[in-house]
Amino acid sequence: MLVTYAIIFLFIMILVIFVLYLANIYIFPRKLEEIQQLIESGQTKIAIRKLNDIIEKDDRNHYAHYLLALAYEKENNIQYAILEYRQVLKISKFDEKVREIDIRKRLASIYKARNAIEEAKKEYLLLTKLDPANYEPFYELGIIFFNTGQIEKAAPYFKKSISNNSKHAPSYYYLGQVHYRMQNYADAKQSFIEAIKIDPNDYKSHYFLGLVLRQLGDYEWAIKEFETAQK
């Protein structure tokens, strides 16, 4: 009799494990996808409630934490969004739905918007390692160093941004600014010219090209650039 009960108990346990496995594979992902749709449609409060229920039962559910971060960010509850993004990074489980690159980008953007410069810089530096072919983190680092007066440190990042995306006019403009402030007028001239080639309506580049040309003694061309900048 005891053997029979033991076999029945074992069978029930195997059945429970199998059901939980199926739920984890088929039901929970579908539920989370439905919650993602709620977030996208602006029903963030409902989504947050559902996600908190899921996390209460499974605190290691990286996708639930990620969606919760998105929901909080959409509600402009930035502090909670940061905490949830950090929790996803702590769990450190990434896949096609939850990518470390995307989380780092969002955190960098949040820190930048909140003027948390050091935190933003850390995220952008990590992004240069995670996504080295992308020009954006290099450009953003260049901007951070430029705006904090570290123009010599800014230059390599603008150059790398240009190397990754030769059609990004702002990178040429800021590299031109770096050269101009360091009195490298010939290099500044070339950078501003490249920026204007990409974006002829970049009036700031026209203006600073005029300043550079005046320093180089090309007054006639400088006047033309000043006139273009004023249009």
C-alpha atoms as a PDB file:
ATOM      1  CA  MET A   1       0.000   0.000   0.000  1.00  0.00           C
ATOM      2  CA  LEU A   2       2.804   2.401   0.923  1.00  0.00           C
ATOM      3  CA  VAL A   3       4.524   1.674  -2.367  1.00  0.00           C
ATOM      4  CA  THR A   4       1.307   2.489  -4.224  1.00  0.00           C
ATOM      5  CA  TYR A   5       0.945   5.825  -2.386  1.00  0.00           C
ATOM      6  CA  ALA A   6       4.566   6.626  -3.096  1.00  0.00           C
ATOM      7  CA  ILE A   7       4.088   5.947  -6.800  1.00  0.00           C
ATOM      8  CA  ILE A   8       0.934   8.095  -6.890  1.00  0.00           C
ATOM      9  CA  PHE A   9       2.701  10.930  -5.042  1.00  0.00           C
ATOM     10  CA  LEU A  10       5.665  10.737  -7.398  1.00  0.00           C
ATOM     11  CA  PHE A  11       3.331  10.775 -10.396  1.00  0.00           C
ATOM     12  CA  ILE A  12       1.531  13.865  -9.053  1.00  0.00           C
ATOM     13  CA  MET A  13       4.841  15.660  -8.458  1.00  0.00           C
ATOM     14  CA  ILE A  14       6.024  14.881 -11.979  1.00  0.00           C
ATOM     15  CA  LEU A  15       2.689  16.090 -13.349  1.00  0.00           C
ATOM     16  CA  VAL A  16       2.907  19.357 -11.377  1.00  0.00           C
ATOM     17  CA  ILE A  17       6.458  19.975 -12.591  1.00  0.00           C
ATOM     18  CA  PHE A  18       5.399  19.254 -16.158  1.00  0.00           C
ATOM     19  CA  VAL A  19       2.413  21.635 -15.911  1.00  0.00           C
ATOM     20  CA  LEU A  20       4.612  24.379 -14.455  1.00  0.00           C
ATOM     21  CA  TYR A  21       7.113  23.804 -17.244  1.00  0.00           C
ATOM     22  CA  LEU A  22       4.412  24.156 -19.891  1.00  0.00           C
ATOM     23  CA  ALA A  23       3.074  27.277 -18.184  1.00  0.00           C
ATOM     24  CA  ASN A  24       6.542  28.788 -18.114  1.00  0.00           C
ATOM     25  CA  ILE A  25       7.077  28.016 -21.794  1.00  0.00           C
ATOM     26  CA  TYR A  26       3.677  28.917 -23.238  1.00  0.00           C
ATOM     27  CA  ILE A  27       1.393  30.769 -20.809  1.00  0.00           C
ATOM     28  CA  PHE A  28       3.646  33.249 -18.957  1.00  0.00           C
ATOM     29  CA  PRO A  29       5.400  34.602 -22.088  1.00  0.00           C
ATOM     30  CA  ARG A  30       2.021  35.180 -23.724  1.00  0.00           C
ATOM     31  CA  LYS A  31       0.803  36.985 -20.621  1.00  0.00           C
ATOM     32  CA  LEU A  32       3.866  39.226 -20.623  1.00  0.00           C
ATOM     33  CA  GLU A  33       3.392  40.010 -24.304  1.00  0.00           C
ATOM     34  CA  GLU A  34      -0.180  41.062 -23.505  1.00  0.00           C
ATOM     35  CA  ILE A  35       1.154  43.310 -20.740  1.00  0.00           C
ATOM     36  CA  GLN A  36       3.638  44.815 -23.191  1.00  0.00           C
ATOM     37  CA  GLN A  37       0.691  45.719 -25.422  1.00  0.00           C
ATOM     38  CA  LEU A  38      -0.990  47.398 -22.432  1.00  0.00           C
ATOM     39  CA  ILE A  39       2.124  49.533 -21.923  1.00  0.00           C
ATOM     40  CA  GLU A  40       2.288  50.457 -25.604  1.00  0.00           C
ATOM     41  CA  SER A  41      -1.388  51.475 -25.546  1.00  0.00           C
ATOM     42  CA  GLY A  42      -0.833  53.701 -22.501  1.00  0.00           C
ATOM     43  CA  GLN A  43      -2.552  51.470 -19.933  1.00  0.00           C
ATOM     44  CA  THR A  44       0.479  51.615 -17.686  1.00  0.00           C
ATOM     45  CA  LYS A  45      -1.273  51.465 -14.308  1.00  0.00           C
ATOM     46  CA  ILE A  46      -2.935  48.144 -15.170  1.00  0.00           C
ATOM     47  CA  ALA A  47       0.371  46.864 -16.568  1.00  0.00           C
ATOM     48  CA  ILE A  48       2.265  47.863 -13.418  1.00  0.00           C
ATOM     49  CA  ARG A  49      -0.230  46.077 -11.189  1.00  0.00           C
ATOM     50  CA  LYS A  50      -0.045  42.882 -13.259  1.00  0.00           C
ATOM     51  CA  LEU A  51       3.742  42.984 -13.450  1.00  0.00           C
ATOM     52  CA  ASN A  52       4.103  43.451  -9.699  1.00  0.00           C
ATOM     53  CA  ASP A  53       1.892  40.382  -9.203  1.00  0.00           C
ATOM     54  CA  ILE A  54       4.147  38.355 -11.506  1.00  0.00           C
ATOM     55  CA  ILE A  55       7.348  39.590  -9.843  1.00  0.00           C
ATOM     56  CA  GLU A  56       5.943  38.785  -6.397  1.00  0.00           C
ATOM     57  CA  LYS A  57       5.770  35.151  -7.514  1.00  0.00           C
ATOM     58  CA  ASP A  58       8.968  35.177  -9.570  1.00  0.00           C
ATOM     59  CA  ASP A  59      11.433  37.888  -8.579  1.00  0.00           C
ATOM     60  CA  ARG A  60      13.997  36.618 -11.113  1.00  0.00           C
ATOM     61  CA  ASN A  61      11.727  37.180 -14.111  1.00  0.00           C
ATOM     62  CA  HIS A  62      13.983  39.523 -16.079  1.00  0.00           C
ATOM     63  CA  TYR A  63      11.383  40.279 -18.753  1.00  0.00           C
ATOM     64  CA  ALA A  64       8.794  41.294 -16.144  1.00  0.00           C
ATOM     65  CA  HIS A  65      11.297  43.657 -14.498  1.00  0.00           C
ATOM     66  CA  TYR A  66      12.183  45.102 -17.909  1.00  0.00           C
ATOM     67  CA  LEU A  67       8.540  45.728 -18.807  1.00  0.00           C
ATOM     68  CA  LEU A  68       7.963  47.250 -15.374  1.00  0.00           C
ATOM     69  CA  ALA A  69      10.865  49.643 -16.000  1.00  0.00           C
ATOM     70  CA  LEU A  70       9.329  50.629 -19.346  1.00  0.00           C
ATOM     71  CA  ALA A  71       5.949  51.199 -17.696  1.00  0.00           C
ATOM     72  CA  TYR A  72       7.429  53.366 -14.944  1.00  0.00           C
ATOM     73  CA  GLU A  73       9.429  55.342 -17.495  1.00  0.00           C
ATOM     74  CA  LYS A  74       6.290  55.936 -19.545  1.00  0.00           C
ATOM     75  CA  GLU A  75       4.569  57.210 -16.396  1.00  0.00           C
ATOM     76  CA  ASN A  76       7.570  59.494 -15.808  1.00  0.00           C
ATOM     77  CA  ASN A  77       8.296  57.681 -12.554  1.00  0.00           C
ATOM     78  CA  ILE A  78      11.973  57.844 -13.386  1.00  0.00           C
ATOM     79  CA  GLN A  79      13.410  56.766 -10.043  1.00  0.00           C
ATOM     80  CA  TYR A  80      11.420  53.529 -10.065  1.00  0.00           C
ATOM     81  CA  ALA A  81      12.312  52.984 -13.738  1.00  0.00           C
ATOM     82  CA  ILE A  82      16.015  53.240 -12.896  1.00  0.00           C
ATOM     83  CA  LEU A  83      15.615  50.743 -10.046  1.00  0.00           C
ATOM     84  CA  GLU A  84      13.918  48.238 -12.345  1.00  0.00           C
ATOM     85  CA  TYR A  85      16.496  48.650 -15.129  1.00  0.00           C
ATOM     86  CA  ARG A  86      19.206  48.105 -12.518  1.00  0.00           C
ATOM     87  CA  GLN A  87      17.417  45.001 -11.297  1.00  0.00           C
ATOM     88  CA  VAL A  88      17.439  43.563 -14.826  1.00  0.00           C
ATOM     89  CA  LEU A  89      21.173  44.217 -15.057  1.00  0.00           C
ATOM     90  CA  LYS A  90      21.642  42.559 -11.666  1.00  0.00           C
ATOM     91  CA  ILE A  91      19.755  39.442 -12.819  1.00  0.00           C
ATOM     92  CA  SER A  92      22.026  39.558 -15.885  1.00  0.00           C
ATOM     93  CA  LYS A  93      19.880  37.365 -18.116  1.00  0.00           C
ATOM     94  CA  PHE A  94      19.618  38.709 -21.661  1.00  0.00           C
ATOM     95  CA  ASP A  95      17.882  37.512 -24.814  1.00  0.00           C
ATOM     96  CA  GLU A  96      16.204  38.894 -27.935  1.00  0.00           C
ATOM     97  CA  LYS A  97      13.489  40.574 -25.834  1.00  0.00           C
ATOM     98  CA  VAL A  98      15.738  41.965 -23.143  1.00  0.00           C
ATOM     99  CA  ARG A  99      19.066  43.242 -24.489  1.00  0.00           C
ATOM    100  CA  GLU A 100      21.741  44.783 -22.300  1.00  0.00           C
ATOM    101  CA  ILE A 101      22.436  47.355 -25.025  1.00  0.00           C
ATOM    102  CA  ASP A 102      18.842  48.620 -24.907  1.00  0.00           C
ATOM    103  CA  ILE A 103      18.878  48.913 -21.118  1.00  0.00           C
ATOM    104  CA  ARG A 104      22.192  50.785 -21.116  1.00  0.00           C
ATOM    105  CA  LYS A 105      20.880  53.160 -23.803  1.00  0.00           C
ATOM    106  CA  ARG A 106      17.762  53.920 -21.776  1.00  0.00           C
ATOM    107  CA  LEU A 107      19.735  54.475 -18.590  1.00  0.00           C
ATOM    108  CA  ALA A 108      22.215  56.723 -20.403  1.00  0.00           C
ATOM    109  CA  SER A 109      19.355  58.753 -21.873  1.00  0.00           C
ATOM    110  CA  ILE A 110      17.659  59.069 -18.475  1.00  0.00           C
ATOM    111  CA  TYR A 111      20.870  60.155 -16.725  1.00  0.00           C
ATOM    112  CA  LYS A 112      21.631  62.632 -19.505  1.00  0.00           C
ATOM    113  CA  ALA A 113      18.140  64.176 -19.232  1.00  0.00           C
ATOM    114  CA  ARG A 114      18.539  64.451 -15.442  1.00  0.00           C
ATOM    115  CA  ASN A 115      21.997  66.020 -15.854  1.00  0.00           C
ATOM    116  CA  ALA A 116      23.575  63.107 -13.959  1.00  0.00           C
ATOM    117  CA  ILE A 117      26.699  63.481 -16.071  1.00  0.00           C
ATOM    118  CA  GLU A 118      28.966  60.946 -14.375  1.00  0.00           C
ATOM    119  CA  GLU A 119      26.310  58.232 -14.442  1.00  0.00           C
ATOM    120  CA  ALA A 120      25.532  58.975 -18.098  1.00  0.00           C
ATOM    121  CA  LYS A 121      29.239  58.851 -18.942  1.00  0.00           C
ATOM    122  CA  LYS A 122      29.580  55.402 -17.332  1.00  0.00           C
ATOM    123  CA  GLU A 123      26.704  54.040 -19.405  1.00  0.00           C
ATOM    124  CA  TYR A 124      27.999  55.521 -22.664  1.00  0.00           C
ATOM    125  CA  LEU A 125      31.477  54.122 -21.978  1.00  0.00           C
ATOM    126  CA  LEU A 126      29.958  50.665 -21.494  1.00  0.00           C
ATOM    127  CA  LEU A 127      27.988  51.112 -24.719  1.00  0.00           C
ATOM    128  CA  THR A 128      31.189  51.803 -26.668  1.00  0.00           C
ATOM    129  CA  LYS A 129      32.296  48.305 -25.620  1.00  0.00           C
ATOM    130  CA  LEU A 130      28.916  46.602 -26.140  1.00  0.00           C
ATOM    131  CA  ASP A 131      28.168  48.319 -29.454  1.00  0.00           C
ATOM    132  CA  PRO A 132      31.490  49.572 -30.871  1.00  0.00           C
ATOM    133  CA  ALA A 133      30.137  50.055 -34.410  1.00  0.00           C
ATOM    134  CA  ASN A 134      27.494  52.532 -33.239  1.00  0.00           C
ATOM    135  CA  TYR A 135      28.494  56.198 -33.517  1.00  0.00           C
ATOM    136  CA  GLU A 136      26.003  57.500 -30.937  1.00  0.00           C
ATOM    137  CA  PRO A 137      27.735  56.608 -27.632  1.00  0.00           C
ATOM    138  CA  PHE A 138      31.021  58.036 -28.945  1.00  0.00           C
ATOM    139  CA  TYR A 139      29.259  61.240 -29.994  1.00  0.00           C
ATOM    140  CA  GLU A 140      27.504  61.542 -26.620  1.00  0.00           C
ATOM    141  CA  LEU A 141      30.789  61.061 -24.770  1.00  0.00           C
ATOM    142  CA  GLY A 142      32.345  63.742 -26.948  1.00  0.00           C
ATOM    143  CA  ILE A 143      29.501  66.094 -26.012  1.00  0.00           C
ATOM    144  CA  ILE A 144      29.925  65.319 -22.301  1.00  0.00           C
ATOM    145  CA  PHE A 145      33.658  66.072 -22.369  1.00  0.00           C
ATOM    146  CA  PHE A 146      33.120  69.137 -24.571  1.00  0.00           C
ATOM    147  CA  ASN A 147      30.449  70.608 -22.299  1.00  0.00           C
ATOM    148  CA  THR A 148      32.587  70.043 -19.209  1.00  0.00           C
ATOM    149  CA  GLY A 149      35.522  71.875 -20.782  1.00  0.00           C
ATOM    150  CA  GLN A 150      37.635  68.766 -21.440  1.00  0.00           C
ATOM    151  CA  ILE A 151      37.993  69.471 -25.143  1.00  0.00           C
ATOM    152  CA  GLU A 152      41.180  67.429 -25.636  1.00  0.00           C
ATOM    153  CA  LYS A 153      39.344  64.353 -24.325  1.00  0.00           C
ATOM    154  CA  ALA A 154      36.340  65.161 -26.518  1.00  0.00           C
ATOM    155  CA  ALA A 155      38.259  65.094 -29.817  1.00  0.00           C
ATOM    156  CA  PRO A 156      38.939  61.298 -30.040  1.00  0.00           C
ATOM    157  CA  TYR A 157      35.279  60.529 -29.404  1.00  0.00           C
ATOM    158  CA  PHE A 158      34.079  62.866 -32.154  1.00  0.00           C
ATOM    159  CA  LYS A 159      36.654  61.327 -34.504  1.00  0.00           C
ATOM    160  CA  LYS A 160      35.444  57.825 -33.638  1.00  0.00           C
ATOM    161  CA  SER A 161      31.837  58.930 -34.144  1.00  0.00           C
ATOM    162  CA  ILE A 162      32.772  60.193 -37.613  1.00  0.00           C
ATOM    163  CA  SER A 163      34.644  56.959 -38.320  1.00  0.00           C
ATOM    164  CA  ASN A 164      31.465  55.007 -37.523  1.00  0.00           C
ATOM    165  CA  ASN A 165      29.127  57.412 -39.326  1.00  0.00           C
ATOM    166  CA  SER A 166      30.751  59.718 -41.865  1.00  0.00           C
ATOM    167  CA  LYS A 167      27.388  61.403 -42.571  1.00  0.00           C
ATOM    168  CA  HIS A 168      26.810  62.724 -39.046  1.00  0.00           C
ATOM    169  CA  ALA A 169      27.123  66.494 -39.401  1.00  0.00           C
ATOM    170  CA  PRO A 170      27.024  67.347 -35.654  1.00  0.00           C
ATOM    171  CA  SER A 171      30.163  65.259 -35.050  1.00  0.00           C
ATOM    172  CA  TYR A 172      32.049  67.302 -37.654  1.00  0.00           C
ATOM    173  CA  TYR A 173      30.677  70.535 -36.175  1.00  0.00           C
ATOM    174  CA  TYR A 174      31.840  69.722 -32.652  1.00  0.00           C
ATOM    175  CA  LEU A 175      35.188  68.420 -33.873  1.00  0.00           C
ATOM    176  CA  GLY A 176      35.531  71.752 -35.670  1.00  0.00           C
ATOM    177  CA  GLN A 177      34.720  73.509 -32.395  1.00  0.00           C
ATOM    178  CA  VAL A 178      37.431  71.526 -30.625  1.00  0.00           C
ATOM    179  CA  HIS A 179      40.022  72.439 -33.272  1.00  0.00           C
ATOM    180  CA  TYR A 180      38.890  76.082 -33.252  1.00  0.00           C
ATOM    181  CA  ARG A 181      39.266  76.388 -29.483  1.00  0.00           C
ATOM    182  CA  MET A 182      42.692  74.739 -29.686  1.00  0.00           C
ATOM    183  CA  GLN A 183      43.592  77.182 -32.486  1.00  0.00           C
ATOM    184  CA  ASN A 184      44.084  74.379 -34.998  1.00  0.00           C
ATOM    185  CA  TYR A 185      42.462  76.525 -37.662  1.00  0.00           C
ATOM    186  CA  ALA A 186      43.285  74.414 -40.716  1.00  0.00           C
ATOM    187  CA  ASP A 187      41.712  71.325 -39.118  1.00  0.00           C
ATOM    188  CA  ALA A 188      38.770  73.364 -37.855  1.00  0.00           C
ATOM    189  CA  LYS A 189      38.181  74.690 -41.365  1.00  0.00           C
ATOM    190  CA  GLN A 190      38.052  71.185 -42.822  1.00  0.00           C
ATOM    191  CA  SER A 191      35.681  69.947 -40.113  1.00  0.00           C
ATOM    192  CA  PHE A 192      33.217  72.803 -40.638  1.00  0.00           C
ATOM    193  CA  ILE A 193      33.381  72.324 -44.416  1.00  0.00           C
ATOM    194  CA  GLU A 194      32.525  68.630 -43.984  1.00  0.00           C
ATOM    195  CA  ALA A 195      29.598  69.514 -41.710  1.00  0.00           C
ATOM    196  CA  ILE A 196      28.264  71.961 -44.310  1.00  0.00           C
ATOM    197  CA  LYS A 197      28.632  69.404 -47.115  1.00  0.00           C
ATOM    198  CA  ILE A 198      26.306  67.080 -45.200  1.00  0.00           C
ATOM    199  CA  ASP A 199      23.944  69.808 -44.001  1.00  0.00           C
ATOM    200  CA  PRO A 200      24.129  73.025 -46.056  1.00  0.00           C
ATOM    201  CA  ASN A 201      21.621  74.641 -43.671  1.00  0.00           C
ATOM    202  CA  ASP A 202      23.887  74.168 -40.664  1.00  0.00           C
ATOM    203  CA  TYR A 203      24.210  77.882 -39.992  1.00  0.00           C
ATOM    204  CA  LYS A 204      26.380  77.417 -36.905  1.00  0.00           C
ATOM    205  CA  SER A 205      28.999  75.675 -39.037  1.00  0.00           C
ATOM    206  CA  HIS A 206      28.805  78.494 -41.602  1.00  0.00           C
ATOM    207  CA  TYR A 207      29.334  81.051 -38.831  1.00  0.00           C
ATOM    208  CA  PHE A 208      32.310  79.294 -37.256  1.00  0.00           C
ATOM    209  CA  LEU A 209      33.802  78.586 -40.659  1.00  0.00           C
ATOM    210  CA  GLY A 210      33.653  82.344 -41.162  1.00  0.00           C
ATOM    211  CA  LEU A 211      35.525  82.897 -37.897  1.00  0.00           C
ATOM    212  CA  VAL A 212      38.174  80.351 -38.899  1.00  0.00           C
ATOM    213  CA  LEU A 213      38.592  81.867 -42.355  1.00  0.00           C
ATOM    214  CA  ARG A 214      39.040  85.288 -40.784  1.00  0.00           C
ATOM    215  CA  GLN A 215      41.826  83.853 -38.611  1.00  0.00           C
ATOM    216  CA  LEU A 216      43.395  82.354 -41.744  1.00  0.00           C
ATOM    217  CA  GLY A 217      43.192  85.689 -43.558  1.00  0.00           C
ATOM    218  CA  ASP A 218      40.612  84.633 -46.167  1.00  0.00           C
ATOM    219  CA  TYR A 219      38.331  87.625 -45.542  1.00  0.00           C
ATOM    220  CA  GLU A 220      36.309  87.431 -48.752  1.00  0.00           C
ATOM    221  CA  TRP A 221      35.234  83.822 -48.117  1.00  0.00           C
ATOM    222  CA  ALA A 222      34.703  84.624 -44.430  1.00  0.00           C
ATOM    223  CA  ILE A 223      32.215  87.392 -45.322  1.00  0.00           C
ATOM    224  CA  LYS A 224      30.271  84.977 -47.537  1.00  0.00           C
ATOM    225  CA  GLU A 225      30.023  82.476 -44.679  1.00  0.00           C
ATOM    226  CA  PHE A 226      28.836  85.162 -42.252  1.00  0.00           C
ATOM    227  CA  GLU A 227      26.200  86.234 -44.753  1.00  0.00           C
ATOM    228  CA  THR A 228      25.017  82.640 -45.177  1.00  0.00           C
ATOM    229  CA  ALA A 229      24.871  82.190 -41.394  1.00  0.00           C
ATOM    230  CA  GLN A 230      22.542  85.205 -41.079  1.00  0.00           C
ATOM    231  CA  LYS A 231      19.976  83.953 -43.615  1.00  0.00           C
END
